């Protein structure tokens, strides 16, 4: 019985509180919250602050794989994002000169909300 009460507390949190919690998590974990329930499936997609770094993907010794996975992850997140993005940050040593960065900047500059 107590478990139901605790689940209701989390489920019924206001969107602003949920966003505050999610913003404090690494983006990789934020996206993973989509498996918690159907109600949480796209909560991450409405965040107004997106911060990407090398920890978004599993690192390995093959730089090309990491670059590709990181690029795909960021592109996927932007594609599924719904709403305004007030802050976008990218901190990585893998995407020094990437065509994708130009595309992301173009996407962000054209996103009007």
PDB file of N, CA and C in Angstrom:
ATOM      1  N   UNK A   1       0.819  -1.187   0.000  1.00  0.00           N
ATOM      2  CA  UNK A   1       0.000   0.000   0.000  1.00  0.00           C
ATOM      3  C   UNK A   1       0.865   1.253   0.000  1.00  0.00           C
ATOM      4  N   UNK A   2       1.887   1.267   0.798  1.00  0.00           N
ATOM      5  CA  UNK A   2       2.790   2.418   0.879  1.00  0.00           C
ATOM      6  C   UNK A   2       3.460   2.692  -0.464  1.00  0.00           C
ATOM      7  N   UNK A   3       3.808   1.635  -1.204  1.00  0.00           N
ATOM      8  CA  UNK A   3       4.460   1.777  -2.505  1.00  0.00           C
ATOM      9  C   UNK A   3       3.597   2.577  -3.476  1.00  0.00           C
ATOM     10  N   UNK A   4       2.302   2.333  -3.482  1.00  0.00           N
ATOM     11  CA  UNK A   4       1.394   3.079  -4.356  1.00  0.00           C
ATOM     12  C   UNK A   4       1.428   4.561  -4.031  1.00  0.00           C
ATOM     13  N   UNK A   5       1.465   4.892  -2.749  1.00  0.00           N
ATOM     14  CA  UNK A   5       1.501   6.290  -2.334  1.00  0.00           C
ATOM     15  C   UNK A   5       2.773   6.969  -2.834  1.00  0.00           C
ATOM     16  N   UNK A   6       3.916   6.285  -2.698  1.00  0.00           N
ATOM     17  CA  UNK A   6       5.181   6.851  -3.156  1.00  0.00           C
ATOM     18  C   UNK A   6       5.182   7.040  -4.672  1.00  0.00           C
ATOM     19  N   UNK A   7       4.656   6.104  -5.407  1.00  0.00           N
ATOM     20  CA  UNK A   7       4.593   6.229  -6.857  1.00  0.00           C
ATOM     21  C   UNK A   7       3.714   7.404  -7.262  1.00  0.00           C
ATOM     22  N   UNK A   8       2.624   7.618  -6.552  1.00  0.00           N
ATOM     23  CA  UNK A   8       1.744   8.745  -6.852  1.00  0.00           C
ATOM     24  C   UNK A   8       2.450  10.073  -6.622  1.00  0.00           C
ATOM     25  N   UNK A   9       3.293  10.144  -5.605  1.00  0.00           N
ATOM     26  CA  UNK A   9       4.033  11.378  -5.338  1.00  0.00           C
ATOM     27  C   UNK A   9       4.938  11.739  -6.517  1.00  0.00           C
ATOM     28  N   UNK A  10       5.626  10.777  -7.034  1.00  0.00           N
ATOM     29  CA  UNK A  10       6.520  11.027  -8.162  1.00  0.00           C
ATOM     30  C   UNK A  10       5.719  11.319  -9.427  1.00  0.00           C
ATOM     31  N   UNK A  11       4.702  10.543  -9.657  1.00  0.00           N
ATOM     32  CA  UNK A  11       3.891  10.705 -10.859  1.00  0.00           C
ATOM     33  C   UNK A  11       3.212  12.069 -10.920  1.00  0.00           C
ATOM     34  N   UNK A  12       2.808  12.567  -9.775  1.00  0.00           N
ATOM     35  CA  UNK A  12       2.034  13.800  -9.741  1.00  0.00           C
ATOM     36  C   UNK A  12       2.863  15.064  -9.518  1.00  0.00           C
ATOM     37  N   UNK A  13       4.167  14.943  -9.583  1.00  0.00           N
ATOM     38  CA  UNK A  13       4.994  16.145  -9.433  1.00  0.00           C
ATOM     39  C   UNK A  13       4.707  17.143 -10.552  1.00  0.00           C
ATOM     40  N   UNK A  14       4.730  18.427 -10.240  1.00  0.00           N
ATOM     41  CA  UNK A  14       4.554  19.432 -11.296  1.00  0.00           C
ATOM     42  C   UNK A  14       5.694  19.350 -12.318  1.00  0.00           C
ATOM     43  N   UNK A  15       5.399  19.715 -13.552  1.00  0.00           N
ATOM     44  CA  UNK A  15       6.397  19.665 -14.627  1.00  0.00           C
ATOM     45  C   UNK A  15       7.656  20.460 -14.271  1.00  0.00           C
ATOM     46  N   UNK A  16       7.501  21.592 -13.603  1.00  0.00           N
ATOM     47  CA  UNK A  16       8.664  22.413 -13.255  1.00  0.00           C
ATOM     48  C   UNK A  16       9.608  21.683 -12.302  1.00  0.00           C
ATOM     49  N   UNK A  17       9.062  20.906 -11.379  1.00  0.00           N
ATOM     50  CA  UNK A  17       9.884  20.129 -10.443  1.00  0.00           C
ATOM     51  C   UNK A  17      10.576  18.989 -11.185  1.00  0.00           C
ATOM     52  N   UNK A  18       9.831  18.325 -12.048  1.00  0.00           N
ATOM     53  CA  UNK A  18      10.409  17.241 -12.840  1.00  0.00           C
ATOM     54  C   UNK A  18      11.558  17.769 -13.678  1.00  0.00           C
ATOM     55  N   UNK A  19      11.370  18.922 -14.322  1.00  0.00           N
ATOM     56  CA  UNK A  19      12.436  19.502 -15.141  1.00  0.00           C
ATOM     57  C   UNK A  19      13.649  19.850 -14.295  1.00  0.00           C
ATOM     58  N   UNK A  20      13.439  20.391 -13.106  1.00  0.00           N
ATOM     59  CA  UNK A  20      14.553  20.729 -12.214  1.00  0.00           C
ATOM     60  C   UNK A  20      15.355  19.480 -11.864  1.00  0.00           C
ATOM     61  N   UNK A  21      14.664  18.388 -11.601  1.00  0.00           N
ATOM     62  CA  UNK A  21      15.345  17.132 -11.277  1.00  0.00           C
ATOM     63  C   UNK A  21      16.111  16.624 -12.501  1.00  0.00           C
ATOM     64  N   UNK A  22      15.458  16.593 -13.648  1.00  0.00           N
ATOM     65  CA  UNK A  22      16.082  16.042 -14.851  1.00  0.00           C
ATOM     66  C   UNK A  22      17.278  16.859 -15.314  1.00  0.00           C
ATOM     67  N   UNK A  23      17.224  18.173 -15.155  1.00  0.00           N
ATOM     68  CA  UNK A  23      18.338  19.033 -15.582  1.00  0.00           C
ATOM     69  C   UNK A  23      19.608  18.713 -14.800  1.00  0.00           C
ATOM     70  N   UNK A  24      19.462  18.217 -13.592  1.00  0.00           N
ATOM     71  CA  UNK A  24      20.619  17.914 -12.747  1.00  0.00           C
ATOM     72  C   UNK A  24      21.266  16.572 -13.087  1.00  0.00           C
ATOM     73  N   UNK A  25      20.599  15.786 -13.911  1.00  0.00           N
ATOM     74  CA  UNK A  25      21.135  14.480 -14.306  1.00  0.00           C
ATOM     75  C   UNK A  25      21.899  14.584 -15.623  1.00  0.00           C
ATOM     76  N   UNK A  26      22.851  13.691 -15.857  1.00  0.00           N
ATOM     77  CA  UNK A  26      23.487  13.627 -17.177  1.00  0.00           C
ATOM     78  C   UNK A  26      22.435  13.294 -18.237  1.00  0.00           C
ATOM     79  N   UNK A  27      22.560  13.860 -19.419  1.00  0.00           N
ATOM     80  CA  UNK A  27      21.561  13.696 -20.478  1.00  0.00           C
ATOM     81  C   UNK A  27      21.319  12.225 -20.823  1.00  0.00           C
ATOM     82  N   UNK A  28      22.338  11.423 -20.753  1.00  0.00           N
ATOM     83  CA  UNK A  28      22.171   9.988 -21.030  1.00  0.00           C
ATOM     84  C   UNK A  28      21.180   9.369 -20.050  1.00  0.00           C
ATOM     85  N   UNK A  29      21.289   9.715 -18.773  1.00  0.00           N
ATOM     86  CA  UNK A  29      20.364   9.201 -17.764  1.00  0.00           C
ATOM     87  C   UNK A  29      18.980   9.816 -17.908  1.00  0.00           C
ATOM     88  N   UNK A  30      18.942  11.071 -18.299  1.00  0.00           N
ATOM     89  CA  UNK A  30      17.659  11.742 -18.500  1.00  0.00           C
ATOM     90  C   UNK A  30      16.854  11.012 -19.574  1.00  0.00           C
ATOM     91  N   UNK A  31      17.498  10.694 -20.669  1.00  0.00           N
ATOM     92  CA  UNK A  31      16.805   9.984 -21.754  1.00  0.00           C
ATOM     93  C   UNK A  31      16.364   8.608 -21.275  1.00  0.00           C
ATOM     94  N   UNK A  32      17.142   7.991 -20.430  1.00  0.00           N
ATOM     95  CA  UNK A  32      16.791   6.666 -19.903  1.00  0.00           C
ATOM     96  C   UNK A  32      15.534   6.693 -19.035  1.00  0.00           C
ATOM     97  N   UNK A  33      15.161   7.852 -18.505  1.00  0.00           N
ATOM     98  CA  UNK A  33      13.939   7.925 -17.697  1.00  0.00           C
ATOM     99  C   UNK A  33      12.707   7.615 -18.529  1.00  0.00           C
ATOM    100  N   UNK A  34      12.837   7.631 -19.836  1.00  0.00           N
ATOM    101  CA  UNK A  34      11.689   7.350 -20.698  1.00  0.00           C
ATOM    102  C   UNK A  34      11.166   5.918 -20.534  1.00  0.00           C
ATOM    103  N   UNK A  35      11.970   5.039 -19.954  1.00  0.00           N
ATOM    104  CA  UNK A  35      11.510   3.657 -19.754  1.00  0.00           C
ATOM    105  C   UNK A  35      10.778   3.467 -18.430  1.00  0.00           C
ATOM    106  N   UNK A  36      10.700   4.501 -17.614  1.00  0.00           N
ATOM    107  CA  UNK A  36      10.043   4.365 -16.310  1.00  0.00           C
ATOM    108  C   UNK A  36       8.556   4.061 -16.446  1.00  0.00           C
ATOM    109  N   UNK A  37       7.909   4.747 -17.349  1.00  0.00           N
ATOM    110  CA  UNK A  37       6.484   4.524 -17.580  1.00  0.00           C
ATOM    111  C   UNK A  37       6.087   5.266 -18.851  1.00  0.00           C
ATOM    112  N   UNK A  38       4.893   4.975 -19.339  1.00  0.00           N
ATOM    113  CA  UNK A  38       4.432   5.684 -20.540  1.00  0.00           C
ATOM    114  C   UNK A  38       4.292   7.181 -20.264  1.00  0.00           C
ATOM    115  N   UNK A  39       3.965   7.513 -19.042  1.00  0.00           N
ATOM    116  CA  UNK A  39       3.837   8.931 -18.681  1.00  0.00           C
ATOM    117  C   UNK A  39       5.181   9.663 -18.721  1.00  0.00           C
ATOM    118  N   UNK A  40       6.271   8.955 -18.454  1.00  0.00           N
ATOM    119  CA  UNK A  40       7.609   9.544 -18.449  1.00  0.00           C
ATOM    120  C   UNK A  40       8.307   9.423 -19.802  1.00  0.00           C
ATOM    121  N   UNK A  41       7.675   8.794 -20.762  1.00  0.00           N
ATOM    122  CA  UNK A  41       8.352   8.464 -22.011  1.00  0.00           C
ATOM    123  C   UNK A  41       9.021   9.664 -22.685  1.00  0.00           C
ATOM    124  N   UNK A  42       8.346  10.783 -22.744  1.00  0.00           N
ATOM    125  CA  UNK A  42       8.916  11.946 -23.418  1.00  0.00           C
ATOM    126  C   UNK A  42       9.099  13.153 -22.503  1.00  0.00           C
ATOM    127  N   UNK A  43       9.131  12.935 -21.190  1.00  0.00           N
ATOM    128  CA  UNK A  43       9.388  14.052 -20.259  1.00  0.00           C
ATOM    129  C   UNK A  43      10.712  14.735 -20.607  1.00  0.00           C
ATOM    130  N   UNK A  44      11.715  13.936 -20.926  1.00  0.00           N
ATOM    131  CA  UNK A  44      13.033  14.478 -21.231  1.00  0.00           C
ATOM    132  C   UNK A  44      12.990  15.369 -22.473  1.00  0.00           C
ATOM    133  N   UNK A  45      12.072  15.091 -23.381  1.00  0.00           N
ATOM    134  CA  UNK A  45      12.038  15.783 -24.673  1.00  0.00           C
ATOM    135  C   UNK A  45      11.511  17.209 -24.571  1.00  0.00           C
ATOM    136  N   UNK A  46      11.096  17.622 -23.387  1.00  0.00           N
ATOM    137  CA  UNK A  46      10.610  18.984 -23.218  1.00  0.00           C
ATOM    138  C   UNK A  46      11.570  19.847 -22.398  1.00  0.00           C
ATOM    139  N   UNK A  47      12.714  19.291 -22.037  1.00  0.00           N
ATOM    140  CA  UNK A  47      13.693  20.069 -21.269  1.00  0.00           C
ATOM    141  C   UNK A  47      14.152  21.276 -22.076  1.00  0.00           C
ATOM    142  N   UNK A  48      14.337  22.383 -21.409  1.00  0.00           N
ATOM    143  CA  UNK A  48      14.776  23.600 -22.109  1.00  0.00           C
ATOM    144  C   UNK A  48      16.289  23.746 -22.081  1.00  0.00           C
ATOM    145  N   UNK A  49      16.961  22.875 -21.333  1.00  0.00           N
ATOM    146  CA  UNK A  49      18.421  22.907 -21.260  1.00  0.00           C
ATOM    147  C   UNK A  49      18.966  21.532 -21.620  1.00  0.00           C
ATOM    148  N   UNK A  50      19.817  21.499 -22.624  1.00  0.00           N
ATOM    149  CA  UNK A  50      20.433  20.248 -23.057  1.00  0.00           C
ATOM    150  C   UNK A  50      21.946  20.382 -22.989  1.00  0.00           C
ATOM    151  N   UNK A  51      22.588  19.478 -22.257  1.00  0.00           N
ATOM    152  CA  UNK A  51      24.044  19.502 -22.118  1.00  0.00           C
ATOM    153  C   UNK A  51      24.597  18.139 -22.528  1.00  0.00           C
ATOM    154  N   UNK A  52      25.416  18.146 -23.559  1.00  0.00           N
ATOM    155  CA  UNK A  52      26.000  16.912 -24.080  1.00  0.00           C
ATOM    156  C   UNK A  52      27.502  16.907 -23.819  1.00  0.00           C
ATOM    157  N   UNK A  53      28.033  15.730 -23.490  1.00  0.00           N
ATOM    158  CA  UNK A  53      29.472  15.579 -23.298  1.00  0.00           C
ATOM    159  C   UNK A  53      29.884  14.157 -23.681  1.00  0.00           C
ATOM    160  N   UNK A  54      31.119  13.823 -23.439  1.00  0.00           N
ATOM    161  CA  UNK A  54      31.633  12.500 -23.824  1.00  0.00           C
ATOM    162  C   UNK A  54      30.933  11.354 -23.100  1.00  0.00           C
ATOM    163  N   UNK A  55      30.306  11.636 -21.976  1.00  0.00           N
ATOM    164  CA  UNK A  55      29.643  10.580 -21.204  1.00  0.00           C
ATOM    165  C   UNK A  55      28.267  10.208 -21.752  1.00  0.00           C
ATOM    166  N   UNK A  56      27.858  10.826 -22.829  1.00  0.00           N
ATOM    167  CA  UNK A  56      26.559  10.505 -23.447  1.00  0.00           C
ATOM    168  C   UNK A  56      26.561   9.123 -24.071  1.00  0.00           C
ATOM    169  N   UNK A  57      27.730   8.627 -24.406  1.00  0.00           N
ATOM    170  CA  UNK A  57      27.846   7.326 -25.057  1.00  0.00           C
ATOM    171  C   UNK A  57      28.912   6.498 -24.352  1.00  0.00           C
ATOM    172  N   UNK A  58      28.898   5.226 -24.634  1.00  0.00           N
ATOM    173  CA  UNK A  58      29.919   4.336 -24.093  1.00  0.00           C
ATOM    174  C   UNK A  58      31.217   4.570 -24.848  1.00  0.00           C
ATOM    175  N   UNK A  59      32.267   4.844 -24.105  1.00  0.00           N
ATOM    176  CA  UNK A  59      33.569   5.099 -24.726  1.00  0.00           C
ATOM    177  C   UNK A  59      34.286   3.784 -25.008  1.00  0.00           C
ATOM    178  N   UNK A  60      35.060   3.791 -26.090  1.00  0.00           N
ATOM    179  CA  UNK A  60      35.867   2.622 -26.440  1.00  0.00           C
ATOM    180  C   UNK A  60      37.148   3.114 -27.101  1.00  0.00           C
ATOM    181  N   UNK A  61      37.991   2.195 -27.503  1.00  0.00           N
ATOM    182  CA  UNK A  61      39.276   2.561 -28.102  1.00  0.00           C
ATOM    183  C   UNK A  61      39.168   3.019 -29.547  1.00  0.00           C
ATOM    184  N   UNK A  62      38.052   2.788 -30.183  1.00  0.00           N
ATOM    185  CA  UNK A  62      37.858   3.179 -31.580  1.00  0.00           C
ATOM    186  C   UNK A  62      37.198   4.551 -31.643  1.00  0.00           C
ATOM    187  N   UNK A  63      38.009   5.556 -31.924  1.00  0.00           N
ATOM    188  CA  UNK A  63      37.536   6.946 -31.939  1.00  0.00           C
ATOM    189  C   UNK A  63      36.380   7.154 -32.926  1.00  0.00           C
ATOM    190  N   UNK A  64      36.445   6.512 -34.076  1.00  0.00           N
ATOM    191  CA  UNK A  64      35.400   6.675 -35.096  1.00  0.00           C
ATOM    192  C   UNK A  64      34.045   6.179 -34.587  1.00  0.00           C
ATOM    193  N   UNK A  65      34.051   5.087 -33.841  1.00  0.00           N
ATOM    194  CA  UNK A  65      32.801   4.551 -33.283  1.00  0.00           C
ATOM    195  C   UNK A  65      32.229   5.524 -32.261  1.00  0.00           C
ATOM    196  N   UNK A  66      33.076   6.042 -31.386  1.00  0.00           N
ATOM    197  CA  UNK A  66      32.613   6.985 -30.366  1.00  0.00           C
ATOM    198  C   UNK A  66      32.051   8.237 -31.033  1.00  0.00           C
ATOM    199  N   UNK A  67      32.775   8.774 -32.025  1.00  0.00           N
ATOM    200  CA  UNK A  67      32.296   9.966 -32.743  1.00  0.00           C
ATOM    201  C   UNK A  67      30.935   9.707 -33.369  1.00  0.00           C
ATOM    202  N   UNK A  68      30.790   8.578 -34.037  1.00  0.00           N
ATOM    203  CA  UNK A  68      29.537   8.235 -34.700  1.00  0.00           C
ATOM    204  C   UNK A  68      28.401   8.070 -33.683  1.00  0.00           C
ATOM    205  N   UNK A  69      28.664   7.354 -32.603  1.00  0.00           N
ATOM    206  CA  UNK A  69      27.636   7.144 -31.579  1.00  0.00           C
ATOM    207  C   UNK A  69      27.223   8.461 -30.917  1.00  0.00           C
ATOM    208  N   UNK A  70      28.193   9.300 -30.621  1.00  0.00           N
ATOM    209  CA  UNK A  70      27.907  10.590 -29.999  1.00  0.00           C
ATOM    210  C   UNK A  70      27.097  11.477 -30.941  1.00  0.00           C
ATOM    211  N   UNK A  71      27.519  11.539 -32.170  1.00  0.00           N
ATOM    212  CA  UNK A  71      26.814  12.333 -33.169  1.00  0.00           C
ATOM    213  C   UNK A  71      25.380  11.838 -33.353  1.00  0.00           C
ATOM    214  N   UNK A  72      25.208  10.537 -33.448  1.00  0.00           N
ATOM    215  CA  UNK A  72      23.872   9.956 -33.610  1.00  0.00           C
ATOM    216  C   UNK A  72      22.993  10.229 -32.398  1.00  0.00           C
ATOM    217  N   UNK A  73      23.561  10.128 -31.202  1.00  0.00           N
ATOM    218  CA  UNK A  73      22.797  10.371 -29.980  1.00  0.00           C
ATOM    219  C   UNK A  73      22.298  11.814 -29.929  1.00  0.00           C
ATOM    220  N   UNK A  74      23.175  12.762 -30.204  1.00  0.00           N
ATOM    221  CA  UNK A  74      22.787  14.178 -30.170  1.00  0.00           C
ATOM    222  C   UNK A  74      21.748  14.479 -31.236  1.00  0.00           C
ATOM    223  N   UNK A  75      21.961  13.978 -32.434  1.00  0.00           N
ATOM    224  CA  UNK A  75      21.006  14.193 -33.525  1.00  0.00           C
ATOM    225  C   UNK A  75      19.651  13.602 -33.165  1.00  0.00           C
ATOM    226  N   UNK A  76      19.639  12.405 -32.610  1.00  0.00           N
ATOM    227  CA  UNK A  76      18.402  11.744 -32.195  1.00  0.00           C
ATOM    228  C   UNK A  76      17.678  12.569 -31.139  1.00  0.00           C
ATOM    229  N   UNK A  77      18.423  13.063 -30.142  1.00  0.00           N
ATOM    230  CA  UNK A  77      17.818  13.878 -29.076  1.00  0.00           C
ATOM    231  C   UNK A  77      17.196  15.152 -29.644  1.00  0.00           C
ATOM    232  N   UNK A  78      17.909  15.814 -30.533  1.00  0.00           N
ATOM    233  CA  UNK A  78      17.381  17.050 -31.126  1.00  0.00           C
ATOM    234  C   UNK A  78      16.158  16.751 -31.997  1.00  0.00           C
ATOM    235  N   UNK A  79      16.207  15.668 -32.724  1.00  0.00           N
ATOM    236  CA  UNK A  79      15.090  15.291 -33.596  1.00  0.00           C
ATOM    237  C   UNK A  79      13.815  15.041 -32.798  1.00  0.00           C
ATOM    238  N   UNK A  80      13.952  14.400 -31.628  1.00  0.00           N
ATOM    239  CA  UNK A  80      12.790  14.068 -30.817  1.00  0.00           C
ATOM    240  C   UNK A  80      12.388  15.170 -29.836  1.00  0.00           C
ATOM    241  N   UNK A  81      13.228  16.180 -29.702  1.00  0.00           N
ATOM    242  CA  UNK A  81      12.925  17.247 -28.745  1.00  0.00           C
ATOM    243  C   UNK A  81      11.681  18.007 -29.159  1.00  0.00           C
ATOM    244  N   UNK A  82      10.890  18.379 -28.160  1.00  0.00           N
ATOM    245  CA  UNK A  82       9.639  19.081 -28.408  1.00  0.00           C
ATOM    246  C   UNK A  82       9.581  20.321 -27.527  1.00  0.00           C
ATOM    247  N   UNK A  83       9.643  21.477 -28.138  1.00  0.00           N
ATOM    248  CA  UNK A  83       9.562  22.718 -27.384  1.00  0.00           C
ATOM    249  C   UNK A  83      10.828  23.528 -27.517  1.00  0.00           C
ATOM    250  N   UNK A  84      10.895  24.611 -26.758  1.00  0.00           N
ATOM    251  CA  UNK A  84      12.052  25.501 -26.862  1.00  0.00           C
ATOM    252  C   UNK A  84      13.306  24.899 -26.223  1.00  0.00           C
ATOM    253  N   UNK A  85      14.449  25.301 -26.740  1.00  0.00           N
ATOM    254  CA  UNK A  85      15.737  24.957 -26.137  1.00  0.00           C
ATOM    255  C   UNK A  85      16.407  26.285 -25.809  1.00  0.00           C
ATOM    256  N   UNK A  86      16.490  26.579 -24.518  1.00  0.00           N
ATOM    257  CA  UNK A  86      17.079  27.844 -24.085  1.00  0.00           C
ATOM    258  C   UNK A  86      18.587  27.757 -23.909  1.00  0.00           C
ATOM    259  N   UNK A  87      19.056  26.548 -23.627  1.00  0.00           N
ATOM    260  CA  UNK A  87      20.495  26.363 -23.431  1.00  0.00           C
ATOM    261  C   UNK A  87      20.912  25.043 -24.064  1.00  0.00           C
ATOM    262  N   UNK A  88      21.925  25.118 -24.912  1.00  0.00           N
ATOM    263  CA  UNK A  88      22.497  23.928 -25.541  1.00  0.00           C
ATOM    264  C   UNK A  88      23.993  23.993 -25.312  1.00  0.00           C
ATOM    265  N   UNK A  89      24.550  22.940 -24.732  1.00  0.00           N
ATOM    266  CA  UNK A  89      26.004  22.931 -24.552  1.00  0.00           C
ATOM    267  C   UNK A  89      26.568  21.597 -25.029  1.00  0.00           C
ATOM    268  N   UNK A  90      27.759  21.689 -25.568  1.00  0.00           N
ATOM    269  CA  UNK A  90      28.465  20.519 -26.081  1.00  0.00           C
ATOM    270  C   UNK A  90      29.909  20.611 -25.630  1.00  0.00           C
ATOM    271  N   UNK A  91      30.327  19.637 -24.852  1.00  0.00           N
ATOM    272  CA  UNK A  91      31.694  19.606 -24.356  1.00  0.00           C
ATOM    273  C   UNK A  91      32.270  18.223 -24.663  1.00  0.00           C
ATOM    274  N   UNK A  92      33.063  18.172 -25.726  1.00  0.00           N
ATOM    275  CA  UNK A  92      33.614  16.881 -26.143  1.00  0.00           C
ATOM    276  C   UNK A  92      34.944  17.077 -26.862  1.00  0.00           C
ATOM    277  N   UNK A  93      35.757  16.069 -26.780  1.00  0.00           N
ATOM    278  CA  UNK A  93      37.022  16.086 -27.519  1.00  0.00           C
ATOM    279  C   UNK A  93      36.897  15.244 -28.788  1.00  0.00           C
ATOM    280  N   UNK A  94      35.732  14.643 -29.010  1.00  0.00           N
ATOM    281  CA  UNK A  94      35.556  13.742 -30.141  1.00  0.00           C
ATOM    282  C   UNK A  94      35.047  14.417 -31.406  1.00  0.00           C
ATOM    283  N   UNK A  95      34.328  15.487 -31.292  1.00  0.00           N
ATOM    284  CA  UNK A  95      33.722  16.101 -32.472  1.00  0.00           C
ATOM    285  C   UNK A  95      34.375  17.451 -32.767  1.00  0.00           C
ATOM    286  N   UNK A  96      35.645  17.433 -33.055  1.00  0.00           N
ATOM    287  CA  UNK A  96      36.380  18.675 -33.292  1.00  0.00           C
ATOM    288  C   UNK A  96      35.882  19.403 -34.540  1.00  0.00           C
ATOM    289  N   UNK A  97      35.836  18.708 -35.634  1.00  0.00           N
ATOM    290  CA  UNK A  97      35.367  19.277 -36.902  1.00  0.00           C
ATOM    291  C   UNK A  97      34.324  18.324 -37.466  1.00  0.00           C
ATOM    292  N   UNK A  98      33.087  18.625 -37.194  1.00  0.00           N
ATOM    293  CA  UNK A  98      32.030  17.725 -37.613  1.00  0.00           C
ATOM    294  C   UNK A  98      30.959  18.493 -38.374  1.00  0.00           C
ATOM    295  N   UNK A  99      30.558  17.940 -39.488  1.00  0.00           N
ATOM    296  CA  UNK A  99      29.462  18.507 -40.271  1.00  0.00           C
ATOM    297  C   UNK A  99      28.192  18.565 -39.425  1.00  0.00           C
ATOM    298  N   UNK A 100      28.037  17.593 -38.536  1.00  0.00           N
ATOM    299  CA  UNK A 100      26.845  17.525 -37.695  1.00  0.00           C
ATOM    300  C   UNK A 100      26.705  18.756 -36.803  1.00  0.00           C
ATOM    301  N   UNK A 101      27.813  19.280 -36.303  1.00  0.00           N
ATOM    302  CA  UNK A 101      27.752  20.469 -35.445  1.00  0.00           C
ATOM    303  C   UNK A 101      27.125  21.628 -36.203  1.00  0.00           C
ATOM    304  N   UNK A 102      27.502  21.801 -37.454  1.00  0.00           N
ATOM    305  CA  UNK A 102      26.893  22.856 -38.272  1.00  0.00           C
ATOM    306  C   UNK A 102      25.392  22.641 -38.403  1.00  0.00           C
ATOM    307  N   UNK A 103      24.986  21.398 -38.600  1.00  0.00           N
ATOM    308  CA  UNK A 103      23.563  21.081 -38.735  1.00  0.00           C
ATOM    309  C   UNK A 103      22.806  21.328 -37.433  1.00  0.00           C
ATOM    310  N   UNK A 104      23.423  20.991 -36.310  1.00  0.00           N
ATOM    311  CA  UNK A 104      22.773  21.232 -35.019  1.00  0.00           C
ATOM    312  C   UNK A 104      22.597  22.721 -34.777  1.00  0.00           C
ATOM    313  N   UNK A 105      23.626  23.491 -35.083  1.00  0.00           N
ATOM    314  CA  UNK A 105      23.527  24.947 -34.896  1.00  0.00           C
ATOM    315  C   UNK A 105      22.450  25.543 -35.793  1.00  0.00           C
ATOM    316  N   UNK A 106      22.372  25.079 -37.022  1.00  0.00           N
ATOM    317  CA  UNK A 106      21.321  25.537 -37.920  1.00  0.00           C
ATOM    318  C   UNK A 106      19.943  25.167 -37.361  1.00  0.00           C
ATOM    319  N   UNK A 107      19.794  23.939 -36.908  1.00  0.00           N
ATOM    320  CA  UNK A 107      18.533  23.488 -36.318  1.00  0.00           C
ATOM    321  C   UNK A 107      18.155  24.362 -35.126  1.00  0.00           C
ATOM    322  N   UNK A 108      19.114  24.595 -34.236  1.00  0.00           N
ATOM    323  CA  UNK A 108      18.846  25.387 -33.036  1.00  0.00           C
ATOM    324  C   UNK A 108      18.492  26.831 -33.376  1.00  0.00           C
ATOM    325  N   UNK A 109      19.149  27.380 -34.395  1.00  0.00           N
ATOM    326  CA  UNK A 109      18.883  28.770 -34.753  1.00  0.00           C
ATOM    327  C   UNK A 109      17.510  28.934 -35.422  1.00  0.00           C
ATOM    328  N   UNK A 110      16.990  27.877 -36.010  1.00  0.00           N
ATOM    329  CA  UNK A 110      15.702  27.944 -36.677  1.00  0.00           C
ATOM    330  C   UNK A 110      14.538  27.504 -35.793  1.00  0.00           C
ATOM    331  N   UNK A 111      14.846  26.990 -34.625  1.00  0.00           N
ATOM    332  CA  UNK A 111      13.805  26.523 -33.713  1.00  0.00           C
ATOM    333  C   UNK A 111      13.217  27.735 -33.009  1.00  0.00           C
ATOM    334  N   UNK A 112      12.021  28.112 -33.384  1.00  0.00           N
ATOM    335  CA  UNK A 112      11.387  29.317 -32.830  1.00  0.00           C
ATOM    336  C   UNK A 112      10.192  28.932 -31.978  1.00  0.00           C
ATOM    337  N   UNK A 113      10.291  29.263 -30.689  1.00  0.00           N
ATOM    338  CA  UNK A 113       9.179  29.016 -29.767  1.00  0.00           C
ATOM    339  C   UNK A 113       9.071  30.170 -28.809  1.00  0.00           C
TER     340      UNK A 113
END
